[in-house]
Amino acid sequence: MMTILQIDSSITGDNSVSRVLTRSIVEQLRAASPGANIVARDLVDEPLDHLTLAAFADTAVLDEFLDADTIVVGAPMYNFAVPSQLKAWIDRIAVAGKTFHYTDEGPVGLAGDKRVIVAVSRGGYYDADNSFEHVEAYLKPMFNFLGIEPEFVHADGIAVGPVQREAGIASGLAEVERLAA
């Protein structure tokens, strides 16, 4: 049975655009695999402590990640980067010997058998060449390091105004639809 892990990190609750996108992605995945097991982790309602040696010893988050076939990550941009809640989760899944290892030729990812879809919401308009964009610019190489080529959907212009917010959401949902095609 397929397992889908849904990670949400937005602090804005029902007003969250990244949560709109993650829900839509999970609904689409569930429609394609009706028997899928959905595991939801809300990093705001149940925050992870920042990484410490004691916290690192608890492998529950890592095990949850390793057990999933598909991971859907909600990644809103806060101050040009990922929320600290999401960074705390990433710190739990990037584990030498489990999700990557080092060789004489460099690091090798060990988690390449997973599909990762990242729903990015941003207040303004950014592309990969924008020096202020540190969400996709961080998450793509991070997941690559683990052996995964992530897919991204974007909702931009969320904080520009109500018209731009609706257009950003519509654009993001259209990208979600294209994932299924």
N, C-alpha and C. Protein backbone atom coordinates (compact mmCIF):
# COMPACT_ATOMS: atom_id res chain seq x y z
N MET A 1 0.85 -1.18 0.00
CA MET A 1 0.00 0.00 0.00
C MET A 1 0.90 1.24 0.00
N MET A 2 0.51 2.21 -0.80
CA MET A 2 1.25 3.47 -0.88
C MET A 2 1.03 4.30 0.38
N THR A 3 2.11 4.92 0.86
CA THR A 3 2.02 5.84 1.99
C THR A 3 2.41 7.23 1.54
N ILE A 4 1.53 8.19 1.83
CA ILE A 4 1.75 9.60 1.50
C ILE A 4 1.95 10.34 2.80
N LEU A 5 3.07 11.05 2.92
CA LEU A 5 3.36 11.86 4.08
C LEU A 5 3.14 13.32 3.72
N GLN A 6 2.22 13.97 4.42
CA GLN A 6 1.91 15.38 4.19
C GLN A 6 2.53 16.21 5.31
N ILE A 7 3.41 17.13 4.93
CA ILE A 7 4.10 18.00 5.89
C ILE A 7 3.60 19.42 5.68
N ASP A 8 3.04 20.02 6.72
CA ASP A 8 2.60 21.42 6.64
C ASP A 8 3.39 22.23 7.66
N SER A 9 3.82 23.44 7.23
CA SER A 9 4.65 24.27 8.10
C SER A 9 4.19 25.72 8.17
N SER A 10 3.06 26.03 7.56
CA SER A 10 2.56 27.40 7.58
C SER A 10 1.92 27.74 8.92
N ILE A 11 2.21 28.94 9.42
CA ILE A 11 1.65 29.38 10.70
C ILE A 11 0.28 30.02 10.55
N THR A 12 -0.20 30.19 9.31
CA THR A 12 -1.43 30.97 9.10
C THR A 12 -2.71 30.14 9.07
N GLY A 13 -2.65 28.88 9.42
CA GLY A 13 -3.84 28.06 9.57
C GLY A 13 -4.75 28.05 8.36
N ASP A 14 -6.03 28.38 8.56
CA ASP A 14 -7.02 28.33 7.47
C ASP A 14 -6.73 29.35 6.37
N ASN A 15 -5.90 30.34 6.65
CA ASN A 15 -5.56 31.36 5.67
C ASN A 15 -4.33 30.98 4.84
N SER A 16 -3.81 29.79 5.07
CA SER A 16 -2.56 29.35 4.45
C SER A 16 -2.75 28.91 3.00
N VAL A 17 -1.98 29.50 2.12
CA VAL A 17 -2.00 29.11 0.71
C VAL A 17 -1.24 27.80 0.50
N SER A 18 -0.11 27.62 1.18
CA SER A 18 0.63 26.36 1.01
C SER A 18 -0.22 25.17 1.47
N ARG A 19 -1.06 25.36 2.48
CA ARG A 19 -1.95 24.28 2.94
C ARG A 19 -3.04 23.98 1.91
N VAL A 20 -3.53 25.01 1.22
CA VAL A 20 -4.49 24.79 0.13
C VAL A 20 -3.84 23.89 -0.93
N LEU A 21 -2.59 24.18 -1.25
CA LEU A 21 -1.88 23.40 -2.28
C LEU A 21 -1.58 21.98 -1.80
N THR A 22 -1.10 21.83 -0.55
CA THR A 22 -0.80 20.47 -0.09
C THR A 22 -2.06 19.61 -0.03
N ARG A 23 -3.18 20.20 0.41
CA ARG A 23 -4.44 19.44 0.43
C ARG A 23 -4.83 19.00 -0.97
N SER A 24 -4.69 19.90 -1.94
CA SER A 24 -5.05 19.57 -3.31
C SER A 24 -4.15 18.47 -3.87
N ILE A 25 -2.87 18.55 -3.58
CA ILE A 25 -1.93 17.52 -4.06
C ILE A 25 -2.28 16.17 -3.44
N VAL A 26 -2.52 16.15 -2.13
CA VAL A 26 -2.84 14.89 -1.46
C VAL A 26 -4.16 14.33 -1.99
N GLU A 27 -5.15 15.18 -2.22
CA GLU A 27 -6.42 14.71 -2.79
C GLU A 27 -6.20 14.07 -4.15
N GLN A 28 -5.35 14.67 -4.95
CA GLN A 28 -5.06 14.12 -6.28
C GLN A 28 -4.34 12.78 -6.18
N LEU A 29 -3.38 12.69 -5.27
CA LEU A 29 -2.65 11.44 -5.07
C LEU A 29 -3.58 10.35 -4.55
N ARG A 30 -4.48 10.73 -3.63
CA ARG A 30 -5.43 9.76 -3.08
C ARG A 30 -6.39 9.26 -4.17
N ALA A 31 -6.80 10.16 -5.07
CA ALA A 31 -7.68 9.75 -6.17
C ALA A 31 -6.98 8.74 -7.09
N ALA A 32 -5.68 8.92 -7.29
CA ALA A 32 -4.91 8.01 -8.14
C ALA A 32 -4.61 6.69 -7.44
N SER A 33 -4.54 6.70 -6.10
CA SER A 33 -4.27 5.50 -5.30
C SER A 33 -5.26 5.47 -4.14
N PRO A 34 -6.50 5.04 -4.40
CA PRO A 34 -7.56 5.12 -3.37
C PRO A 34 -7.23 4.45 -2.05
N GLY A 35 -6.40 3.45 -2.05
CA GLY A 35 -6.08 2.76 -0.81
C GLY A 35 -4.89 3.34 -0.07
N ALA A 36 -4.39 4.46 -0.53
CA ALA A 36 -3.18 5.04 0.06
C ALA A 36 -3.37 5.38 1.53
N ASN A 37 -2.32 5.17 2.29
CA ASN A 37 -2.28 5.56 3.69
C ASN A 37 -1.76 6.99 3.75
N ILE A 38 -2.52 7.89 4.36
CA ILE A 38 -2.13 9.30 4.47
C ILE A 38 -1.66 9.55 5.89
N VAL A 39 -0.44 10.05 6.01
CA VAL A 39 0.12 10.43 7.31
C VAL A 39 0.33 11.94 7.24
N ALA A 40 -0.30 12.66 8.17
CA ALA A 40 -0.18 14.12 8.17
C ALA A 40 0.63 14.57 9.37
N ARG A 41 1.59 15.44 9.11
CA ARG A 41 2.41 16.03 10.18
C ARG A 41 2.30 17.54 10.06
N ASP A 42 1.70 18.15 11.06
CA ASP A 42 1.57 19.60 11.10
C ASP A 42 2.65 20.13 12.03
N LEU A 43 3.65 20.77 11.44
CA LEU A 43 4.80 21.24 12.20
C LEU A 43 4.52 22.48 13.04
N VAL A 44 3.32 23.04 12.88
CA VAL A 44 2.91 24.18 13.72
C VAL A 44 2.13 23.67 14.92
N ASP A 45 1.14 22.80 14.66
CA ASP A 45 0.35 22.25 15.76
C ASP A 45 1.18 21.32 16.66
N GLU A 46 2.13 20.63 16.05
CA GLU A 46 3.02 19.72 16.79
C GLU A 46 4.46 20.04 16.41
N PRO A 47 4.99 21.16 16.92
CA PRO A 47 6.34 21.58 16.51
C PRO A 47 7.43 20.64 17.01
N LEU A 48 8.46 20.55 16.20
CA LEU A 48 9.65 19.81 16.60
C LEU A 48 10.62 20.80 17.25
N ASP A 49 11.30 20.35 18.28
CA ASP A 49 12.34 21.19 18.86
C ASP A 49 13.45 21.38 17.84
N HIS A 50 14.17 22.48 18.00
CA HIS A 50 15.36 22.63 17.17
C HIS A 50 16.30 21.48 17.50
N LEU A 51 17.12 21.12 16.55
CA LEU A 51 17.95 19.93 16.68
C LEU A 51 18.96 20.04 17.82
N THR A 52 18.95 19.01 18.65
CA THR A 52 19.94 18.83 19.71
C THR A 52 20.39 17.38 19.62
N LEU A 53 21.45 17.03 20.31
CA LEU A 53 21.87 15.62 20.29
C LEU A 53 20.78 14.72 20.85
N ALA A 54 20.10 15.16 21.90
CA ALA A 54 19.01 14.36 22.48
C ALA A 54 17.88 14.20 21.47
N ALA A 55 17.51 15.29 20.79
CA ALA A 55 16.43 15.21 19.80
C ALA A 55 16.84 14.34 18.62
N PHE A 56 18.12 14.37 18.27
CA PHE A 56 18.62 13.60 17.15
C PHE A 56 18.50 12.09 17.41
N ALA A 57 18.52 11.71 18.67
CA ALA A 57 18.43 10.30 19.04
C ALA A 57 17.04 9.72 18.76
N ASP A 58 16.02 10.57 18.73
CA ASP A 58 14.64 10.12 18.45
C ASP A 58 14.48 10.00 16.94
N THR A 59 14.26 8.80 16.45
CA THR A 59 14.20 8.57 15.00
C THR A 59 12.77 8.52 14.46
N ALA A 60 11.78 8.91 15.25
CA ALA A 60 10.38 8.80 14.80
C ALA A 60 10.13 9.58 13.52
N VAL A 61 10.65 10.80 13.41
CA VAL A 61 10.42 11.62 12.22
C VAL A 61 11.15 11.01 11.02
N LEU A 62 12.37 10.55 11.24
CA LEU A 62 13.13 9.90 10.17
C LEU A 62 12.41 8.64 9.71
N ASP A 63 11.94 7.82 10.63
CA ASP A 63 11.22 6.59 10.27
C ASP A 63 9.97 6.90 9.47
N GLU A 64 9.25 7.93 9.86
CA GLU A 64 8.04 8.35 9.14
C GLU A 64 8.39 8.72 7.70
N PHE A 65 9.48 9.46 7.52
CA PHE A 65 9.95 9.84 6.19
C PHE A 65 10.36 8.61 5.39
N LEU A 66 11.14 7.73 5.98
CA LEU A 66 11.63 6.54 5.27
C LEU A 66 10.49 5.60 4.89
N ASP A 67 9.43 5.56 5.70
CA ASP A 67 8.29 4.67 5.43
C ASP A 67 7.37 5.21 4.32
N ALA A 68 7.50 6.48 3.99
CA ALA A 68 6.61 7.10 2.99
C ALA A 68 7.13 6.85 1.58
N ASP A 69 6.19 6.69 0.67
CA ASP A 69 6.52 6.57 -0.76
C ASP A 69 6.55 7.95 -1.41
N THR A 70 5.59 8.79 -1.01
CA THR A 70 5.48 10.15 -1.54
C THR A 70 5.39 11.11 -0.37
N ILE A 71 6.12 12.21 -0.47
CA ILE A 71 6.10 13.24 0.56
C ILE A 71 5.64 14.53 -0.08
N VAL A 72 4.63 15.15 0.52
CA VAL A 72 4.09 16.43 0.05
C VAL A 72 4.44 17.46 1.11
N VAL A 73 5.22 18.46 0.72
CA VAL A 73 5.74 19.45 1.68
C VAL A 73 5.15 20.82 1.39
N GLY A 74 4.52 21.41 2.38
CA GLY A 74 4.06 22.79 2.28
C GLY A 74 5.17 23.71 2.76
N ALA A 75 5.65 24.57 1.86
CA ALA A 75 6.81 25.42 2.16
C ALA A 75 6.51 26.88 1.86
N PRO A 76 5.89 27.59 2.80
CA PRO A 76 5.70 29.02 2.59
C PRO A 76 7.04 29.75 2.75
N MET A 77 7.17 30.85 2.06
CA MET A 77 8.38 31.67 2.21
C MET A 77 8.16 32.67 3.34
N TYR A 78 9.03 32.60 4.34
CA TYR A 78 9.05 33.57 5.43
C TYR A 78 10.40 34.25 5.41
N ASN A 79 10.41 35.54 5.22
CA ASN A 79 11.67 36.29 5.22
C ASN A 79 12.69 35.67 4.26
N PHE A 80 12.20 35.31 3.08
CA PHE A 80 13.00 34.80 1.97
C PHE A 80 13.47 33.36 2.13
N ALA A 81 13.03 32.64 3.18
CA ALA A 81 13.52 31.29 3.41
C ALA A 81 12.39 30.39 3.91
N VAL A 82 12.72 29.15 4.21
CA VAL A 82 11.74 28.20 4.74
C VAL A 82 11.47 28.54 6.21
N PRO A 83 10.28 28.22 6.70
CA PRO A 83 10.00 28.42 8.12
C PRO A 83 10.94 27.57 8.99
N SER A 84 11.24 28.06 10.16
CA SER A 84 12.13 27.31 11.06
C SER A 84 11.53 25.94 11.41
N GLN A 85 10.19 25.85 11.42
CA GLN A 85 9.54 24.57 11.69
C GLN A 85 9.94 23.54 10.63
N LEU A 86 9.98 23.97 9.38
CA LEU A 86 10.34 23.06 8.30
C LEU A 86 11.82 22.70 8.37
N LYS A 87 12.65 23.66 8.72
CA LYS A 87 14.09 23.39 8.86
C LYS A 87 14.32 22.35 9.95
N ALA A 88 13.58 22.44 11.06
CA ALA A 88 13.71 21.45 12.14
C ALA A 88 13.36 20.05 11.64
N TRP A 89 12.35 19.94 10.76
CA TRP A 89 11.98 18.65 10.18
C TRP A 89 13.09 18.14 9.27
N ILE A 90 13.61 19.00 8.43
CA ILE A 90 14.69 18.60 7.51
C ILE A 90 15.91 18.12 8.30
N ASP A 91 16.20 18.78 9.41
CA ASP A 91 17.32 18.35 10.24
C ASP A 91 17.13 16.93 10.76
N ARG A 92 15.88 16.47 10.88
CA ARG A 92 15.61 15.11 11.36
C ARG A 92 15.70 14.08 10.25
N ILE A 93 15.53 14.50 8.99
CA ILE A 93 15.53 13.51 7.89
C ILE A 93 16.86 13.44 7.16
N ALA A 94 17.73 14.40 7.32
CA ALA A 94 19.05 14.38 6.68
C ALA A 94 20.02 13.73 7.66
N VAL A 95 20.13 12.40 7.56
CA VAL A 95 20.90 11.64 8.54
C VAL A 95 21.92 10.76 7.80
N ALA A 96 23.17 11.01 8.10
CA ALA A 96 24.24 10.21 7.48
C ALA A 96 24.02 8.73 7.79
N GLY A 97 24.19 7.91 6.76
CA GLY A 97 24.01 6.47 6.90
C GLY A 97 22.58 6.02 6.72
N LYS A 98 21.63 6.96 6.74
CA LYS A 98 20.21 6.62 6.57
C LYS A 98 19.65 7.21 5.27
N THR A 99 19.85 8.49 5.06
CA THR A 99 19.32 9.14 3.86
C THR A 99 20.42 9.63 2.93
N PHE A 100 21.66 9.57 3.37
CA PHE A 100 22.82 9.86 2.53
C PHE A 100 24.04 9.23 3.18
N HIS A 101 25.10 9.07 2.38
CA HIS A 101 26.38 8.67 2.95
C HIS A 101 27.50 9.28 2.12
N TYR A 102 28.65 9.34 2.74
CA TYR A 102 29.81 9.93 2.08
C TYR A 102 30.67 8.83 1.48
N THR A 103 31.23 9.13 0.30
CA THR A 103 32.17 8.23 -0.36
C THR A 103 33.41 9.05 -0.71
N ASP A 104 34.42 8.39 -1.24
CA ASP A 104 35.62 9.10 -1.68
C ASP A 104 35.31 10.09 -2.79
N GLU A 105 34.24 9.83 -3.54
CA GLU A 105 33.84 10.72 -4.63
C GLU A 105 32.85 11.80 -4.18
N GLY A 106 32.43 11.76 -2.94
CA GLY A 106 31.49 12.74 -2.43
C GLY A 106 30.24 12.08 -1.87
N PRO A 107 29.26 12.89 -1.49
CA PRO A 107 28.05 12.33 -0.88
C PRO A 107 27.16 11.61 -1.90
N VAL A 108 26.45 10.61 -1.41
CA VAL A 108 25.50 9.85 -2.22
C VAL A 108 24.18 9.79 -1.47
N GLY A 109 23.11 10.19 -2.13
CA GLY A 109 21.78 10.13 -1.52
C GLY A 109 21.27 8.71 -1.47
N LEU A 110 20.57 8.36 -0.42
CA LEU A 110 20.05 7.01 -0.23
C LEU A 110 18.52 6.95 -0.26
N ALA A 111 17.86 8.08 -0.49
CA ALA A 111 16.39 8.12 -0.41
C ALA A 111 15.76 8.34 -1.78
N GLY A 112 16.44 7.99 -2.83
CA GLY A 112 15.99 8.28 -4.19
C GLY A 112 14.76 7.53 -4.64
N ASP A 113 14.25 6.61 -3.84
CA ASP A 113 13.06 5.86 -4.23
C ASP A 113 11.77 6.58 -3.86
N LYS A 114 11.87 7.83 -3.45
CA LYS A 114 10.70 8.59 -3.01
C LYS A 114 10.35 9.71 -3.99
N ARG A 115 9.09 10.04 -4.01
CA ARG A 115 8.62 11.20 -4.76
C ARG A 115 8.37 12.31 -3.75
N VAL A 116 8.92 13.48 -4.02
CA VAL A 116 8.71 14.64 -3.16
C VAL A 116 8.10 15.75 -4.00
N ILE A 117 6.97 16.27 -3.52
CA ILE A 117 6.30 17.40 -4.17
C ILE A 117 6.25 18.53 -3.15
N VAL A 118 6.80 19.67 -3.53
CA VAL A 118 6.87 20.81 -2.62
C VAL A 118 5.92 21.90 -3.11
N ALA A 119 5.02 22.33 -2.24
CA ALA A 119 4.08 23.41 -2.52
C ALA A 119 4.65 24.69 -1.92
N VAL A 120 5.12 25.59 -2.78
CA VAL A 120 5.75 26.83 -2.34
C VAL A 120 4.76 27.97 -2.48
N SER A 121 4.59 28.74 -1.41
CA SER A 121 3.78 29.96 -1.49
C SER A 121 4.68 31.12 -1.09
N ARG A 122 4.57 32.20 -1.88
CA ARG A 122 5.44 33.36 -1.65
C ARG A 122 4.64 34.64 -1.78
N GLY A 123 4.92 35.59 -0.91
CA GLY A 123 4.18 36.85 -0.89
C GLY A 123 4.40 37.69 -2.13
N GLY A 124 5.59 37.64 -2.69
CA GLY A 124 5.92 38.41 -3.89
C GLY A 124 6.11 37.51 -5.08
N TYR A 125 6.87 38.01 -6.04
CA TYR A 125 7.14 37.26 -7.27
C TYR A 125 8.62 36.94 -7.33
N TYR A 126 8.93 35.67 -7.42
CA TYR A 126 10.31 35.21 -7.40
C TYR A 126 10.50 34.14 -8.46
N ASP A 127 11.72 34.04 -8.95
CA ASP A 127 12.08 32.92 -9.80
C ASP A 127 13.41 32.40 -9.28
N ALA A 128 13.90 31.35 -9.89
CA ALA A 128 15.12 30.71 -9.41
C ALA A 128 16.33 31.63 -9.45
N ASP A 129 16.31 32.64 -10.32
CA ASP A 129 17.44 33.55 -10.44
C ASP A 129 17.38 34.72 -9.47
N ASN A 130 16.32 34.82 -8.70
CA ASN A 130 16.16 35.94 -7.77
C ASN A 130 17.03 35.69 -6.54
N SER A 131 17.89 36.64 -6.21
CA SER A 131 18.82 36.44 -5.09
C SER A 131 18.11 36.37 -3.74
N PHE A 132 16.84 36.75 -3.67
CA PHE A 132 16.09 36.67 -2.41
C PHE A 132 15.32 35.36 -2.26
N GLU A 133 15.30 34.52 -3.26
CA GLU A 133 14.54 33.28 -3.23
C GLU A 133 15.40 32.18 -2.59
N HIS A 134 15.07 31.83 -1.34
CA HIS A 134 15.84 30.80 -0.62
C HIS A 134 14.97 29.64 -0.16
N VAL A 135 13.81 29.47 -0.77
CA VAL A 135 12.97 28.32 -0.46
C VAL A 135 13.30 27.20 -1.44
N GLU A 136 12.96 27.40 -2.70
CA GLU A 136 13.29 26.39 -3.71
C GLU A 136 14.81 26.25 -3.85
N ALA A 137 15.51 27.37 -3.74
CA ALA A 137 16.97 27.35 -3.87
C ALA A 137 17.62 26.52 -2.76
N TYR A 138 16.95 26.38 -1.63
CA TYR A 138 17.44 25.54 -0.53
C TYR A 138 16.92 24.11 -0.65
N LEU A 139 15.61 23.97 -0.89
CA LEU A 139 15.00 22.64 -0.86
C LEU A 139 15.43 21.74 -2.02
N LYS A 140 15.61 22.29 -3.20
CA LYS A 140 16.03 21.47 -4.34
C LYS A 140 17.38 20.79 -4.07
N PRO A 141 18.44 21.55 -3.74
CA PRO A 141 19.71 20.85 -3.46
C PRO A 141 19.66 19.98 -2.20
N MET A 142 18.85 20.36 -1.23
CA MET A 142 18.74 19.56 -0.01
C MET A 142 18.18 18.18 -0.34
N PHE A 143 17.07 18.15 -1.10
CA PHE A 143 16.51 16.85 -1.48
C PHE A 143 17.41 16.14 -2.48
N ASN A 144 18.07 16.86 -3.38
CA ASN A 144 19.04 16.25 -4.28
C ASN A 144 20.12 15.54 -3.48
N PHE A 145 20.58 16.16 -2.40
CA PHE A 145 21.60 15.59 -1.53
C PHE A 145 21.14 14.24 -0.97
N LEU A 146 19.82 14.10 -0.77
CA LEU A 146 19.26 12.84 -0.26
C LEU A 146 18.98 11.85 -1.39
N GLY A 147 19.24 12.26 -2.63
CA GLY A 147 19.02 11.38 -3.78
C GLY A 147 17.66 11.55 -4.44
N ILE A 148 16.96 12.62 -4.12
CA ILE A 148 15.59 12.84 -4.60
C ILE A 148 15.56 14.08 -5.50
N GLU A 149 14.87 13.97 -6.61
CA GLU A 149 14.63 15.14 -7.47
C GLU A 149 13.22 15.65 -7.16
N PRO A 150 13.10 16.71 -6.37
CA PRO A 150 11.77 17.18 -5.98
C PRO A 150 11.04 17.88 -7.12
N GLU A 151 9.73 17.85 -7.04
CA GLU A 151 8.86 18.60 -7.95
C GLU A 151 8.31 19.79 -7.17
N PHE A 152 8.10 20.90 -7.85
CA PHE A 152 7.62 22.11 -7.19
C PHE A 152 6.36 22.63 -7.85
N VAL A 153 5.45 23.12 -7.02
CA VAL A 153 4.32 23.93 -7.49
C VAL A 153 4.42 25.25 -6.74
N HIS A 154 3.98 26.33 -7.37
CA HIS A 154 4.19 27.66 -6.82
C HIS A 154 2.90 28.48 -6.81
N ALA A 155 2.74 29.23 -5.76
CA ALA A 155 1.70 30.26 -5.70
C ALA A 155 2.42 31.54 -5.29
N ASP A 156 2.53 32.46 -6.23
CA ASP A 156 3.27 33.71 -5.99
C ASP A 156 2.32 34.90 -5.94
N GLY A 157 2.81 35.99 -5.35
CA GLY A 157 2.05 37.22 -5.29
C GLY A 157 1.00 37.24 -4.20
N ILE A 158 1.11 36.35 -3.23
CA ILE A 158 0.08 36.16 -2.21
C ILE A 158 -0.14 37.41 -1.36
N ALA A 159 0.92 38.19 -1.11
CA ALA A 159 0.80 39.36 -0.25
C ALA A 159 0.69 40.67 -1.03
N VAL A 160 0.65 40.60 -2.35
CA VAL A 160 0.62 41.83 -3.16
C VAL A 160 -0.75 42.50 -3.06
N GLY A 161 -1.80 41.72 -3.12
CA GLY A 161 -3.16 42.24 -3.05
C GLY A 161 -4.14 41.10 -3.25
N PRO A 162 -5.44 41.34 -3.01
CA PRO A 162 -6.42 40.26 -3.12
C PRO A 162 -6.52 39.66 -4.51
N VAL A 163 -6.43 40.48 -5.54
CA VAL A 163 -6.51 39.95 -6.91
C VAL A 163 -5.30 39.07 -7.21
N GLN A 164 -4.13 39.54 -6.81
CA GLN A 164 -2.91 38.78 -7.04
C GLN A 164 -2.89 37.50 -6.20
N ARG A 165 -3.44 37.57 -4.99
CA ARG A 165 -3.53 36.37 -4.14
C ARG A 165 -4.36 35.30 -4.84
N GLU A 166 -5.53 35.68 -5.32
CA GLU A 166 -6.40 34.71 -6.00
C GLU A 166 -5.74 34.18 -7.27
N ALA A 167 -5.06 35.05 -7.99
CA ALA A 167 -4.35 34.61 -9.20
C ALA A 167 -3.22 33.64 -8.84
N GLY A 168 -2.50 33.92 -7.74
CA GLY A 168 -1.43 33.04 -7.29
C GLY A 168 -1.95 31.67 -6.90
N ILE A 169 -3.06 31.66 -6.17
CA ILE A 169 -3.67 30.39 -5.77
C ILE A 169 -4.12 29.62 -7.01
N ALA A 170 -4.79 30.30 -7.94
CA ALA A 170 -5.25 29.64 -9.16
C ALA A 170 -4.08 29.08 -9.96
N SER A 171 -3.00 29.83 -10.04
CA SER A 171 -1.81 29.37 -10.76
C SER A 171 -1.21 28.13 -10.08
N GLY A 172 -1.13 28.16 -8.75
CA GLY A 172 -0.61 27.02 -8.01
C GLY A 172 -1.47 25.78 -8.19
N LEU A 173 -2.79 25.96 -8.13
CA LEU A 173 -3.69 24.82 -8.32
C LEU A 173 -3.62 24.28 -9.74
N ALA A 174 -3.39 25.16 -10.71
CA ALA A 174 -3.20 24.70 -12.10
C ALA A 174 -1.93 23.87 -12.21
N GLU A 175 -0.88 24.26 -11.49
CA GLU A 175 0.35 23.45 -11.49
C GLU A 175 0.10 22.10 -10.84
N VAL A 176 -0.72 22.06 -9.79
CA VAL A 176 -1.08 20.80 -9.15
C VAL A 176 -1.79 19.90 -10.16
N GLU A 177 -2.72 20.46 -10.93
CA GLU A 177 -3.43 19.69 -11.96
C GLU A 177 -2.46 19.10 -12.99
N ARG A 178 -1.45 19.88 -13.35
CA ARG A 178 -0.46 19.40 -14.34
C ARG A 178 0.36 18.23 -13.79
N LEU A 179 0.52 18.15 -12.48
CA LEU A 179 1.24 17.01 -11.89
C LEU A 179 0.56 15.69 -12.21
N ALA A 180 -0.75 15.72 -12.26
CA ALA A 180 -1.52 14.50 -12.50
C ALA A 180 -1.52 14.08 -13.95
N ALA A 181 -1.27 15.03 -14.82
CA ALA A 181 -1.34 14.74 -16.27
C ALA A 181 -0.20 13.84 -16.72
